[in-house]
């Protein structure tokens, strides 16, 4: 870039990094077990998908939600929940209930 182009950027204003970047830090909240919130309505407010620390070549869903007025997080490797959360990316926040169907968990 030329100096003139750089000066124009400074005058016009550029978005701040914090406006579009997501930290790699864990989401804040009280850790909950999935089994403790089953069949109860929660408000999903954010999520992250990372590599699992327990299983090679697997993903881990870090879910941030509000439950009974408290901000909470949970970690799960549920493939169904991972697939479902990927499909609703632009529709967060949303209310849901996590249910167990046979051997897997699902948003309902």
N, C-alpha and C. Protein backbone atom coordinates (compact mmCIF):
# COMPACT_ATOMS: atom_id res chain seq x y z
N UNK A 1 0.83 -1.18 0.00
CA UNK A 1 0.00 0.00 0.00
C UNK A 1 0.88 1.25 0.00
N UNK A 2 0.36 2.26 -0.62
CA UNK A 2 1.08 3.53 -0.61
C UNK A 2 0.76 4.28 0.68
N UNK A 3 1.54 5.31 0.98
CA UNK A 3 1.29 6.13 2.17
C UNK A 3 -0.07 6.81 2.08
N UNK A 4 -0.44 7.26 0.89
CA UNK A 4 -1.75 7.88 0.71
C UNK A 4 -2.88 6.89 1.02
N UNK A 5 -2.72 5.66 0.55
CA UNK A 5 -3.75 4.64 0.83
C UNK A 5 -3.83 4.34 2.32
N UNK A 6 -2.69 4.29 2.98
CA UNK A 6 -2.68 4.05 4.42
C UNK A 6 -3.33 5.21 5.17
N UNK A 7 -3.02 6.43 4.75
CA UNK A 7 -3.64 7.60 5.38
C UNK A 7 -5.15 7.59 5.19
N UNK A 8 -5.62 7.19 4.02
CA UNK A 8 -7.07 7.09 3.77
C UNK A 8 -7.71 6.07 4.70
N UNK A 9 -7.03 4.96 4.92
CA UNK A 9 -7.56 3.95 5.84
C UNK A 9 -7.71 4.52 7.23
N UNK A 10 -6.72 5.27 7.67
CA UNK A 10 -6.76 5.84 9.01
C UNK A 10 -7.88 6.86 9.13
N UNK A 11 -8.15 7.63 8.07
CA UNK A 11 -9.20 8.64 8.11
C UNK A 11 -10.59 8.02 8.02
N UNK A 12 -10.75 7.06 7.14
CA UNK A 12 -12.05 6.44 6.93
C UNK A 12 -12.43 5.51 8.07
N UNK A 13 -11.45 5.06 8.78
CA UNK A 13 -11.70 4.13 9.87
C UNK A 13 -11.85 2.71 9.36
N UNK A 14 -11.19 1.83 10.02
CA UNK A 14 -11.26 0.41 9.70
C UNK A 14 -11.93 -0.29 10.87
N UNK A 15 -12.56 -1.43 10.63
CA UNK A 15 -13.14 -2.15 11.75
C UNK A 15 -12.04 -2.63 12.70
N UNK A 16 -12.38 -2.68 13.97
CA UNK A 16 -11.43 -3.19 14.95
C UNK A 16 -11.40 -4.71 14.89
N UNK A 17 -10.25 -5.26 15.17
CA UNK A 17 -10.08 -6.71 15.17
C UNK A 17 -11.13 -7.39 16.04
N UNK A 18 -11.40 -6.81 17.19
CA UNK A 18 -12.35 -7.40 18.14
C UNK A 18 -13.78 -7.46 17.59
N UNK A 19 -14.07 -6.67 16.56
CA UNK A 19 -15.41 -6.66 15.99
C UNK A 19 -15.70 -7.89 15.13
N UNK A 20 -14.65 -8.55 14.63
CA UNK A 20 -14.90 -9.70 13.75
C UNK A 20 -14.13 -10.95 14.11
N UNK A 21 -13.15 -10.87 15.00
CA UNK A 21 -12.33 -12.04 15.34
C UNK A 21 -12.88 -12.72 16.58
N UNK A 22 -12.71 -14.01 16.62
CA UNK A 22 -13.13 -14.79 17.78
C UNK A 22 -11.89 -15.31 18.48
N UNK A 23 -11.84 -15.09 19.78
CA UNK A 23 -10.71 -15.58 20.57
C UNK A 23 -10.72 -17.09 20.63
N UNK A 24 -9.57 -17.65 20.88
CA UNK A 24 -9.44 -19.09 21.07
C UNK A 24 -9.62 -19.47 22.53
N UNK A 25 -9.85 -18.47 23.37
CA UNK A 25 -10.04 -18.73 24.79
C UNK A 25 -11.37 -19.45 25.02
N UNK A 26 -11.46 -20.23 26.10
CA UNK A 26 -12.73 -20.89 26.39
C UNK A 26 -13.84 -19.87 26.65
N UNK A 27 -15.04 -20.24 26.33
CA UNK A 27 -16.18 -19.38 26.61
C UNK A 27 -16.43 -19.34 28.11
N UNK A 28 -16.79 -18.18 28.66
CA UNK A 28 -17.02 -18.11 30.10
C UNK A 28 -18.35 -18.75 30.49
N UNK A 29 -18.40 -19.29 31.69
CA UNK A 29 -19.62 -19.88 32.22
C UNK A 29 -19.31 -21.01 33.18
N UNK A 30 -20.32 -21.38 33.94
CA UNK A 30 -20.21 -22.49 34.88
C UNK A 30 -20.34 -23.81 34.12
N UNK A 31 -19.41 -24.70 34.33
CA UNK A 31 -19.41 -25.98 33.60
C UNK A 31 -20.55 -26.86 34.09
N UNK A 32 -21.31 -27.40 33.16
CA UNK A 32 -22.42 -28.31 33.43
C UNK A 32 -22.23 -29.60 32.66
N UNK A 33 -22.80 -30.65 33.20
CA UNK A 33 -22.82 -31.93 32.49
C UNK A 33 -24.08 -31.99 31.63
N UNK A 34 -23.96 -32.58 30.49
CA UNK A 34 -25.09 -32.69 29.57
C UNK A 34 -26.28 -33.39 30.24
N UNK A 35 -26.01 -34.43 30.98
CA UNK A 35 -27.09 -35.18 31.63
C UNK A 35 -27.87 -34.34 32.63
N UNK A 36 -27.26 -33.27 33.17
CA UNK A 36 -27.93 -32.44 34.17
C UNK A 36 -28.90 -31.43 33.58
N UNK A 37 -28.87 -31.24 32.26
CA UNK A 37 -29.78 -30.28 31.65
C UNK A 37 -30.73 -30.92 30.65
N UNK A 38 -30.72 -32.23 30.53
CA UNK A 38 -31.58 -32.92 29.58
C UNK A 38 -33.04 -32.58 29.84
N UNK A 39 -33.80 -32.45 28.76
CA UNK A 39 -35.25 -32.25 28.80
C UNK A 39 -35.67 -30.96 29.50
N UNK A 40 -34.75 -29.98 29.57
CA UNK A 40 -35.05 -28.68 30.16
C UNK A 40 -34.67 -27.61 29.16
N UNK A 41 -35.51 -26.57 29.05
CA UNK A 41 -35.24 -25.53 28.07
C UNK A 41 -34.03 -24.70 28.46
N UNK A 42 -33.17 -24.44 27.46
CA UNK A 42 -31.99 -23.60 27.63
C UNK A 42 -31.95 -22.59 26.50
N UNK A 43 -31.18 -21.53 26.69
CA UNK A 43 -30.99 -20.50 25.67
C UNK A 43 -29.55 -20.60 25.18
N UNK A 44 -29.35 -21.05 23.96
CA UNK A 44 -28.01 -21.16 23.38
C UNK A 44 -27.57 -19.75 22.97
N UNK A 45 -26.40 -19.31 23.48
CA UNK A 45 -25.92 -17.97 23.15
C UNK A 45 -24.63 -17.96 22.34
N UNK A 46 -23.86 -19.04 22.38
CA UNK A 46 -22.62 -19.10 21.59
C UNK A 46 -22.10 -20.53 21.58
N UNK A 47 -21.17 -20.80 20.68
CA UNK A 47 -20.53 -22.11 20.64
C UNK A 47 -19.19 -22.00 19.95
N UNK A 48 -18.38 -23.00 20.17
CA UNK A 48 -17.10 -23.16 19.47
C UNK A 48 -16.93 -24.65 19.16
N UNK A 49 -16.28 -24.92 18.07
CA UNK A 49 -15.95 -26.30 17.71
C UNK A 49 -14.44 -26.39 17.64
N UNK A 50 -13.88 -27.31 18.41
CA UNK A 50 -12.44 -27.50 18.47
C UNK A 50 -12.11 -28.97 18.28
N UNK A 51 -10.82 -29.27 18.21
CA UNK A 51 -10.37 -30.66 18.19
C UNK A 51 -10.57 -31.26 19.57
N UNK A 52 -11.02 -32.48 19.63
CA UNK A 52 -11.21 -33.17 20.90
C UNK A 52 -9.87 -33.45 21.56
N UNK A 53 -9.82 -33.24 22.85
CA UNK A 53 -8.62 -33.57 23.61
C UNK A 53 -8.61 -35.04 24.02
N UNK A 54 -9.77 -35.69 23.95
CA UNK A 54 -9.90 -37.08 24.39
C UNK A 54 -9.80 -38.08 23.25
N UNK A 55 -10.23 -37.66 22.04
CA UNK A 55 -10.27 -38.60 20.92
C UNK A 55 -9.57 -38.00 19.71
N UNK A 56 -8.68 -38.77 19.10
CA UNK A 56 -7.99 -38.33 17.89
C UNK A 56 -8.99 -38.21 16.74
N UNK A 57 -8.76 -37.24 15.88
CA UNK A 57 -9.59 -37.02 14.69
C UNK A 57 -11.07 -36.85 15.00
N UNK A 58 -11.37 -36.24 16.13
CA UNK A 58 -12.76 -35.99 16.51
C UNK A 58 -12.92 -34.53 16.92
N UNK A 59 -14.13 -34.03 16.76
CA UNK A 59 -14.42 -32.65 17.14
C UNK A 59 -15.08 -32.61 18.52
N UNK A 60 -14.95 -31.45 19.14
CA UNK A 60 -15.58 -31.21 20.44
C UNK A 60 -16.41 -29.94 20.34
N UNK A 61 -17.64 -30.01 20.78
CA UNK A 61 -18.53 -28.85 20.80
C UNK A 61 -18.48 -28.22 22.19
N UNK A 62 -18.11 -26.95 22.24
CA UNK A 62 -18.18 -26.17 23.47
C UNK A 62 -19.40 -25.28 23.31
N UNK A 63 -20.41 -25.51 24.14
CA UNK A 63 -21.68 -24.84 24.03
C UNK A 63 -21.87 -23.89 25.20
N UNK A 64 -22.17 -22.61 24.91
CA UNK A 64 -22.45 -21.64 25.96
C UNK A 64 -23.96 -21.37 25.94
N UNK A 65 -24.57 -21.43 27.13
CA UNK A 65 -26.03 -21.30 27.22
C UNK A 65 -26.43 -20.68 28.55
N UNK A 66 -27.68 -20.24 28.61
CA UNK A 66 -28.24 -19.71 29.84
C UNK A 66 -29.25 -20.74 30.34
N UNK A 67 -29.09 -21.12 31.61
CA UNK A 67 -29.96 -22.12 32.24
C UNK A 67 -30.32 -21.62 33.63
N UNK A 68 -31.61 -21.43 33.87
CA UNK A 68 -32.09 -20.91 35.15
C UNK A 68 -31.40 -19.59 35.52
N UNK A 69 -31.21 -18.71 34.54
CA UNK A 69 -30.61 -17.40 34.77
C UNK A 69 -29.10 -17.39 34.92
N UNK A 70 -28.45 -18.53 34.77
CA UNK A 70 -27.00 -18.64 34.94
C UNK A 70 -26.35 -18.96 33.59
N UNK A 71 -25.22 -18.28 33.30
CA UNK A 71 -24.47 -18.57 32.09
C UNK A 71 -23.65 -19.83 32.34
N UNK A 72 -23.82 -20.81 31.46
CA UNK A 72 -23.17 -22.12 31.63
C UNK A 72 -22.49 -22.54 30.33
N UNK A 73 -21.61 -23.52 30.45
CA UNK A 73 -20.97 -24.13 29.29
C UNK A 73 -20.99 -25.64 29.45
N UNK A 74 -20.91 -26.32 28.35
CA UNK A 74 -20.72 -27.78 28.39
C UNK A 74 -19.87 -28.17 27.20
N UNK A 75 -19.24 -29.31 27.33
CA UNK A 75 -18.39 -29.87 26.28
C UNK A 75 -18.97 -31.22 25.90
N UNK A 76 -19.07 -31.48 24.59
CA UNK A 76 -19.56 -32.77 24.15
C UNK A 76 -18.96 -33.13 22.80
N UNK A 77 -18.85 -34.40 22.56
CA UNK A 77 -18.39 -34.91 21.28
C UNK A 77 -19.55 -35.46 20.47
N UNK A 78 -20.78 -35.19 20.89
CA UNK A 78 -21.95 -35.71 20.20
C UNK A 78 -21.97 -35.26 18.74
N UNK A 79 -21.89 -36.23 17.85
CA UNK A 79 -21.85 -35.93 16.42
C UNK A 79 -23.17 -35.31 15.96
N UNK A 80 -24.28 -35.76 16.52
CA UNK A 80 -25.58 -35.21 16.14
C UNK A 80 -25.67 -33.74 16.55
N UNK A 81 -25.30 -33.41 17.80
CA UNK A 81 -25.33 -32.02 18.25
C UNK A 81 -24.37 -31.16 17.42
N UNK A 82 -23.21 -31.68 17.11
CA UNK A 82 -22.25 -30.95 16.27
C UNK A 82 -22.86 -30.64 14.90
N UNK A 83 -23.46 -31.63 14.26
CA UNK A 83 -24.07 -31.42 12.94
C UNK A 83 -25.21 -30.41 13.03
N UNK A 84 -26.04 -30.52 14.07
CA UNK A 84 -27.17 -29.61 14.21
C UNK A 84 -26.71 -28.17 14.45
N UNK A 85 -25.72 -27.96 15.30
CA UNK A 85 -25.28 -26.60 15.62
C UNK A 85 -24.62 -25.95 14.40
N UNK A 86 -23.95 -26.73 13.58
CA UNK A 86 -23.34 -26.19 12.37
C UNK A 86 -24.40 -25.66 11.41
N UNK A 87 -25.57 -26.25 11.42
CA UNK A 87 -26.63 -25.85 10.49
C UNK A 87 -27.40 -24.61 10.94
N UNK A 88 -27.24 -24.19 12.20
CA UNK A 88 -27.99 -23.02 12.71
C UNK A 88 -27.09 -21.83 12.98
N UNK A 89 -25.91 -21.84 12.44
CA UNK A 89 -24.88 -20.84 12.75
C UNK A 89 -25.40 -19.40 12.77
N UNK A 90 -26.21 -19.00 11.83
CA UNK A 90 -26.68 -17.63 11.77
C UNK A 90 -27.90 -17.33 12.63
N UNK A 91 -28.43 -18.31 13.32
CA UNK A 91 -29.66 -18.14 14.08
C UNK A 91 -29.46 -18.18 15.60
N UNK A 92 -28.31 -17.75 16.05
CA UNK A 92 -28.02 -17.74 17.48
C UNK A 92 -28.23 -16.33 17.99
N UNK A 93 -28.87 -16.13 19.11
CA UNK A 93 -29.30 -17.09 20.12
C UNK A 93 -30.62 -17.78 19.74
N UNK A 94 -30.84 -18.94 20.36
CA UNK A 94 -32.11 -19.66 20.19
C UNK A 94 -32.38 -20.51 21.42
N UNK A 95 -33.66 -20.77 21.65
CA UNK A 95 -34.07 -21.63 22.77
C UNK A 95 -34.22 -23.04 22.26
N UNK A 96 -33.86 -24.00 23.10
CA UNK A 96 -33.96 -25.40 22.72
C UNK A 96 -34.00 -26.27 23.97
N UNK A 97 -34.27 -27.51 23.74
CA UNK A 97 -34.19 -28.54 24.77
C UNK A 97 -33.32 -29.65 24.19
N UNK A 98 -32.38 -30.14 24.97
CA UNK A 98 -31.56 -31.26 24.52
C UNK A 98 -32.20 -32.53 25.05
N UNK A 99 -32.49 -33.45 24.15
CA UNK A 99 -33.12 -34.71 24.52
C UNK A 99 -32.20 -35.87 24.16
N UNK A 100 -32.39 -36.97 24.84
CA UNK A 100 -31.63 -38.19 24.54
C UNK A 100 -32.57 -39.16 23.84
N UNK A 101 -32.18 -39.56 22.63
CA UNK A 101 -32.96 -40.50 21.85
C UNK A 101 -32.09 -41.73 21.64
N UNK A 102 -32.48 -42.83 22.24
CA UNK A 102 -31.68 -44.06 22.23
C UNK A 102 -30.28 -43.74 22.78
N UNK A 103 -29.26 -43.76 21.89
CA UNK A 103 -27.89 -43.56 22.35
C UNK A 103 -27.32 -42.22 21.93
N UNK A 104 -28.14 -41.31 21.42
CA UNK A 104 -27.59 -40.03 20.99
C UNK A 104 -28.41 -38.87 21.53
N UNK A 105 -27.79 -37.68 21.52
CA UNK A 105 -28.43 -36.45 21.98
C UNK A 105 -28.85 -35.62 20.78
N UNK A 106 -29.93 -34.85 20.95
CA UNK A 106 -30.42 -34.02 19.85
C UNK A 106 -31.07 -32.76 20.42
N UNK A 107 -30.94 -31.64 19.66
CA UNK A 107 -31.71 -30.44 19.98
C UNK A 107 -33.14 -30.68 19.55
N UNK A 108 -34.08 -30.18 20.31
CA UNK A 108 -35.49 -30.30 19.87
C UNK A 108 -36.20 -28.98 20.04
